[in-house]
N, C-alpha and C. Protein backbone atom coordinates (compact mmCIF):
# COMPACT_ATOMS: atom_id res chain seq x y z
N MET A 1 158.79 188.02 224.11
CA MET A 1 159.23 188.00 222.76
C MET A 1 159.21 186.50 222.33
N LYS A 2 159.70 186.16 221.01
CA LYS A 2 159.47 184.67 220.57
C LYS A 2 160.01 183.97 221.43
N ASN A 3 161.41 184.16 221.86
CA ASN A 3 161.97 183.35 222.83
C ASN A 3 161.78 183.78 224.25
N SER A 4 161.09 183.04 224.69
CA SER A 4 160.28 183.27 226.16
C SER A 4 161.54 183.73 227.29
N ASN A 5 163.01 183.64 226.80
CA ASN A 5 163.92 183.68 227.66
C ASN A 5 164.65 184.92 227.26
N LEU A 6 164.20 185.80 226.43
CA LEU A 6 164.67 187.03 226.03
C LEU A 6 164.48 188.23 227.15
N THR A 7 165.55 188.54 227.39
CA THR A 7 165.87 189.58 228.52
C THR A 7 165.75 191.03 227.65
N PHE A 8 165.42 192.07 228.87
CA PHE A 8 165.48 193.54 228.07
C PHE A 8 167.13 193.83 227.66
N SER A 9 168.04 193.14 228.15
CA SER A 9 169.56 193.15 227.90
C SER A 9 169.46 192.70 226.42
N ASP A 10 169.21 191.42 226.16
CA ASP A 10 169.03 190.79 224.86
C ASP A 10 168.39 191.64 223.63
N PHE A 11 167.32 191.93 224.17
CA PHE A 11 166.56 193.27 223.34
C PHE A 11 167.33 194.19 222.67
N CYS A 12 168.06 194.68 223.85
CA CYS A 12 169.09 195.91 223.56
C CYS A 12 170.37 195.80 222.75
N ASP A 13 170.58 194.43 223.09
CA ASP A 13 171.60 194.08 222.16
C ASP A 13 171.38 193.90 220.92
N ALA A 14 170.17 193.34 220.59
CA ALA A 14 169.69 193.21 219.08
C ALA A 14 169.70 194.47 218.54
N PHE A 15 169.25 195.52 218.89
CA PHE A 15 169.03 196.88 218.37
C PHE A 15 170.69 197.42 218.29
N HIS A 16 171.70 197.13 219.10
CA HIS A 16 173.08 197.58 219.33
C HIS A 16 173.82 197.09 218.21
N SER A 17 173.42 195.98 217.59
CA SER A 17 174.31 195.02 216.78
C SER A 17 173.70 195.18 215.64
N SER A 18 172.47 196.20 215.43
CA SER A 18 171.73 196.33 213.85
C SER A 18 172.19 197.80 213.27
N GLN A 19 171.87 198.03 212.39
CA GLN A 19 172.03 199.49 211.83
C GLN A 19 171.00 200.47 212.53
N TYR A 20 170.06 199.91 213.44
CA TYR A 20 168.96 201.06 213.78
C TYR A 20 169.41 201.09 215.18
N LYS A 21 170.76 200.97 215.96
CA LYS A 21 171.07 201.32 217.07
C LYS A 21 170.81 202.75 217.61
N GLU A 22 170.52 203.58 216.78
CA GLU A 22 170.51 205.01 217.24
C GLU A 22 168.60 205.06 217.07
N ASN A 23 167.87 204.42 216.85
CA ASN A 23 166.71 204.60 216.66
C ASN A 23 165.93 204.97 217.97
N PHE A 24 166.02 204.38 219.04
CA PHE A 24 165.40 204.41 220.13
C PHE A 24 166.82 204.97 221.27
N THR A 25 166.31 205.66 222.38
CA THR A 25 166.94 205.97 223.27
C THR A 25 166.95 204.68 224.39
N TYR A 26 167.50 204.51 225.65
CA TYR A 26 167.68 203.44 226.52
C TYR A 26 166.07 203.48 226.85
N SER A 27 165.63 204.59 227.45
CA SER A 27 164.30 204.71 227.99
C SER A 27 163.10 204.43 227.04
N GLY A 28 163.54 204.65 225.41
CA GLY A 28 162.53 204.16 224.67
C GLY A 28 162.50 202.86 224.29
N LYS A 29 163.84 202.17 224.57
CA LYS A 29 163.69 200.72 224.42
C LYS A 29 162.98 199.93 225.68
N ARG A 30 163.05 200.55 226.67
CA ARG A 30 162.60 199.90 227.74
C ARG A 30 161.10 200.17 227.68
N SER A 31 160.53 201.15 227.19
CA SER A 31 159.21 201.38 227.32
C SER A 31 158.78 200.37 225.99
N LEU A 32 159.42 200.40 225.06
CA LEU A 32 159.19 199.20 223.92
C LEU A 32 158.99 197.97 224.06
N TYR A 33 160.20 197.34 224.71
CA TYR A 33 160.24 196.09 225.40
C TYR A 33 158.83 195.75 226.34
N ASP A 34 158.95 196.71 227.15
CA ASP A 34 157.49 196.27 228.38
C ASP A 34 156.24 196.19 227.48
N HIS A 35 156.13 197.30 226.61
CA HIS A 35 154.78 197.07 225.87
C HIS A 35 154.73 195.81 224.96
N LEU A 36 155.86 195.48 224.49
CA LEU A 36 155.70 194.13 223.70
C LEU A 36 155.63 193.00 224.43
N THR A 37 155.95 192.84 225.51
CA THR A 37 155.74 191.98 226.46
C THR A 37 154.46 192.06 227.06
N GLU A 38 154.04 192.80 227.52
CA GLU A 38 152.55 192.96 227.74
C GLU A 38 151.71 192.40 226.78
N LEU A 39 151.95 193.09 225.40
CA LEU A 39 150.92 192.55 224.42
C LEU A 39 151.36 191.11 224.17
N GLU A 40 152.06 190.47 224.32
CA GLU A 40 152.30 188.98 224.37
C GLU A 40 151.47 188.56 225.40
N ALA A 41 151.24 188.86 226.48
CA ALA A 41 150.60 188.17 227.60
C ALA A 41 149.08 188.53 227.68
N GLU A 42 148.90 189.40 226.78
CA GLU A 42 147.62 189.71 226.78
C GLU A 42 146.86 189.02 225.49
N THR A 43 147.68 188.70 224.35
CA THR A 43 147.10 188.14 223.22
C THR A 43 147.22 186.67 223.33
N GLU A 44 148.55 186.37 224.20
CA GLU A 44 149.32 184.97 224.38
C GLU A 44 149.43 184.46 222.98
N GLU A 45 150.22 185.53 222.23
CA GLU A 45 150.83 185.26 221.23
C GLU A 45 152.14 185.66 220.98
N GLU A 46 153.39 184.87 220.57
CA GLU A 46 154.49 185.34 220.73
C GLU A 46 154.93 186.53 219.56
N ILE A 47 155.72 187.36 219.93
CA ILE A 47 156.13 188.39 219.00
C ILE A 47 157.66 188.03 218.49
N GLU A 48 158.04 188.04 217.37
CA GLU A 48 159.24 187.80 216.64
C GLU A 48 160.20 189.23 217.02
N LEU A 49 161.45 189.11 217.63
CA LEU A 49 162.09 189.88 217.73
C LEU A 49 162.70 190.53 216.34
N ASP A 50 162.16 191.33 215.66
CA ASP A 50 162.66 191.71 214.40
C ASP A 50 163.16 193.21 214.11
N VAL A 51 164.09 193.60 214.78
CA VAL A 51 164.63 195.01 214.91
C VAL A 51 164.15 195.91 213.68
N CYS A 52 164.46 195.46 212.44
CA CYS A 52 163.95 196.19 211.26
C CYS A 52 162.42 196.65 211.52
N SER A 53 161.70 195.52 211.52
CA SER A 53 160.14 195.68 211.49
C SER A 53 159.83 196.36 212.48
N LEU A 54 160.25 196.38 213.92
CA LEU A 54 159.87 197.11 215.00
C LEU A 54 160.39 198.50 214.57
N CYS A 55 161.36 199.01 213.94
CA CYS A 55 161.86 200.52 213.78
C CYS A 55 160.86 200.72 212.64
N CYS A 56 160.14 200.19 211.77
CA CYS A 56 159.31 200.48 210.73
C CYS A 56 157.71 200.85 211.38
N ASP A 57 157.70 200.09 212.49
CA ASP A 57 156.29 200.01 213.06
C ASP A 57 156.08 200.93 214.05
N TYR A 58 157.50 201.51 214.90
CA TYR A 58 157.38 202.19 216.15
C TYR A 58 158.65 203.32 215.94
N HIS A 59 158.31 204.27 216.47
CA HIS A 59 159.48 205.43 216.58
C HIS A 59 159.21 206.32 217.66
N GLU A 60 160.34 206.93 218.07
CA GLU A 60 160.31 207.87 219.22
C GLU A 60 160.77 209.25 218.87
N ASP A 61 159.91 210.14 219.72
CA ASP A 61 159.99 211.57 219.32
C ASP A 61 159.41 212.14 220.43
N ASP A 62 159.82 213.40 220.63
CA ASP A 62 158.98 214.30 221.65
C ASP A 62 157.61 214.84 221.02
N LEU A 63 156.93 214.73 222.13
CA LEU A 63 155.25 215.12 221.93
C LEU A 63 154.78 216.17 220.89
N ALA A 64 155.86 217.44 221.07
CA ALA A 64 155.40 218.94 220.43
C ALA A 64 155.60 218.38 218.99
N ARG A 65 156.63 217.99 218.66
CA ARG A 65 157.11 217.52 217.39
C ARG A 65 156.44 216.45 216.47
N VAL A 66 155.49 215.53 217.26
CA VAL A 66 154.91 214.62 216.68
C VAL A 66 153.39 215.41 216.61
N LEU A 67 153.09 216.11 217.53
CA LEU A 67 151.76 216.81 217.31
C LEU A 67 151.77 217.94 215.99
N ALA A 68 152.73 218.46 215.78
CA ALA A 68 152.95 219.42 214.72
C ALA A 68 153.09 218.78 213.64
N ASN A 69 153.87 217.67 213.59
CA ASN A 69 154.02 216.67 212.13
C ASN A 69 152.58 216.27 211.66
N TYR A 70 151.46 215.88 212.43
CA TYR A 70 150.61 215.28 212.26
C TYR A 70 149.31 216.41 212.51
N SER A 71 149.75 217.44 212.62
CA SER A 71 148.67 218.45 212.75
C SER A 71 147.52 218.12 213.74
N LEU A 72 147.92 217.91 214.98
CA LEU A 72 146.96 217.16 215.98
C LEU A 72 147.24 218.29 217.37
N ASP A 73 146.15 218.16 217.94
CA ASP A 73 146.19 219.43 219.04
C ASP A 73 146.99 218.86 220.33
N ASP A 74 146.66 217.78 220.77
CA ASP A 74 147.24 217.30 222.19
C ASP A 74 147.50 215.67 222.12
N LEU A 75 147.98 215.28 223.25
CA LEU A 75 148.17 213.55 223.33
C LEU A 75 146.82 213.11 223.25
N ASP A 76 145.79 213.31 223.88
CA ASP A 76 144.48 212.51 223.50
C ASP A 76 144.00 212.32 221.96
N ASP A 77 144.52 213.55 221.18
CA ASP A 77 144.19 213.62 219.91
C ASP A 77 145.00 212.36 219.29
N LEU A 78 146.42 212.22 219.65
CA LEU A 78 147.32 211.69 219.20
C LEU A 78 146.99 210.17 219.48
N LYS A 79 146.35 209.81 220.66
CA LYS A 79 146.02 208.48 221.12
C LYS A 79 145.04 208.02 220.22
N ASN A 80 143.87 209.19 219.76
CA ASN A 80 142.88 208.64 219.12
C ASN A 80 143.29 208.17 217.76
N ASN A 81 144.49 208.56 217.46
CA ASN A 81 144.93 208.22 215.90
C ASN A 81 145.69 206.95 215.62
N THR A 82 146.54 206.85 217.04
CA THR A 82 147.47 205.39 217.28
C THR A 82 147.78 205.36 218.47
N SER A 83 148.56 204.12 218.51
CA SER A 83 148.95 203.57 219.86
C SER A 83 150.20 204.33 220.27
N VAL A 84 150.20 204.90 221.74
CA VAL A 84 151.25 205.75 222.24
C VAL A 84 151.75 205.04 223.30
N ILE A 85 152.81 204.71 223.38
CA ILE A 85 153.59 204.36 224.42
C ILE A 85 154.63 205.78 225.19
N ASP A 86 153.83 206.13 226.25
CA ASP A 86 154.38 207.40 226.48
C ASP A 86 155.32 207.17 227.77
N PHE A 87 156.36 207.22 227.63
CA PHE A 87 157.61 207.04 228.73
C PHE A 87 157.95 208.23 229.65
N ASP A 88 157.91 209.38 229.01
CA ASP A 88 158.06 210.44 229.51
C ASP A 88 157.56 211.45 228.62
N LYS A 89 156.71 212.34 229.07
CA LYS A 89 156.05 213.44 228.12
C LYS A 89 156.72 214.70 228.34
N GLU A 90 157.75 214.76 229.06
CA GLU A 90 158.49 216.07 228.86
C GLU A 90 159.68 216.01 227.66
N THR A 91 160.34 214.66 227.63
CA THR A 91 161.26 214.40 226.90
C THR A 91 160.95 213.42 225.38
N GLY A 92 160.08 212.79 225.63
CA GLY A 92 160.07 211.63 224.52
C GLY A 92 159.06 210.53 224.84
N LEU A 93 158.44 209.98 223.71
CA LEU A 93 157.25 208.81 223.80
C LEU A 93 157.86 208.22 222.67
N VAL A 94 157.17 206.89 222.57
CA VAL A 94 157.34 205.90 221.54
C VAL A 94 156.02 205.66 220.67
N ILE A 95 155.53 206.00 219.67
CA ILE A 95 154.14 205.55 219.20
C ILE A 95 154.48 204.74 217.97
N PHE A 96 153.09 204.16 217.76
CA PHE A 96 153.13 203.07 216.61
C PHE A 96 153.17 204.06 215.39
N ALA A 97 153.69 203.80 214.45
CA ALA A 97 153.57 204.74 213.13
C ALA A 97 152.33 204.73 212.84
N ILE A 98 152.06 206.08 212.38
CA ILE A 98 150.78 206.69 211.64
C ILE A 98 151.11 206.65 210.39
N TYR A 99 149.96 205.82 209.78
CA TYR A 99 150.04 205.75 208.29
C TYR A 99 149.10 206.89 207.39
C-alpha cells in the first residue's frame, strides 16, 4: 500500500475504524490485502489505502449468489467478466465490482 510499512494488521484496523467494518470477513480482508500488495509489486505503483474506494471497487459474496445475480453459469464465466480473488470457493470470494 502507499505506505510500504503498512501491515495486514494496519489494513484491518483501517476497515475496523471506518463505517465499512462489516464489508469483509477476516479472510476477505486477507485476500484483498494480498491481492493489492501483489498488484503493487506487479505494477510498481503504490496503491493508496482508501477504505471507501476499496468497498466501492470490491465486494465479498458467495459464488452461488454472485452467479445468480449476474446470470452467469460458473466461476469461469465470472472470471471472464471481472477480476476474482477467490479465497474459499465453498464459503466466499472477493470480486472486483461488475458494472
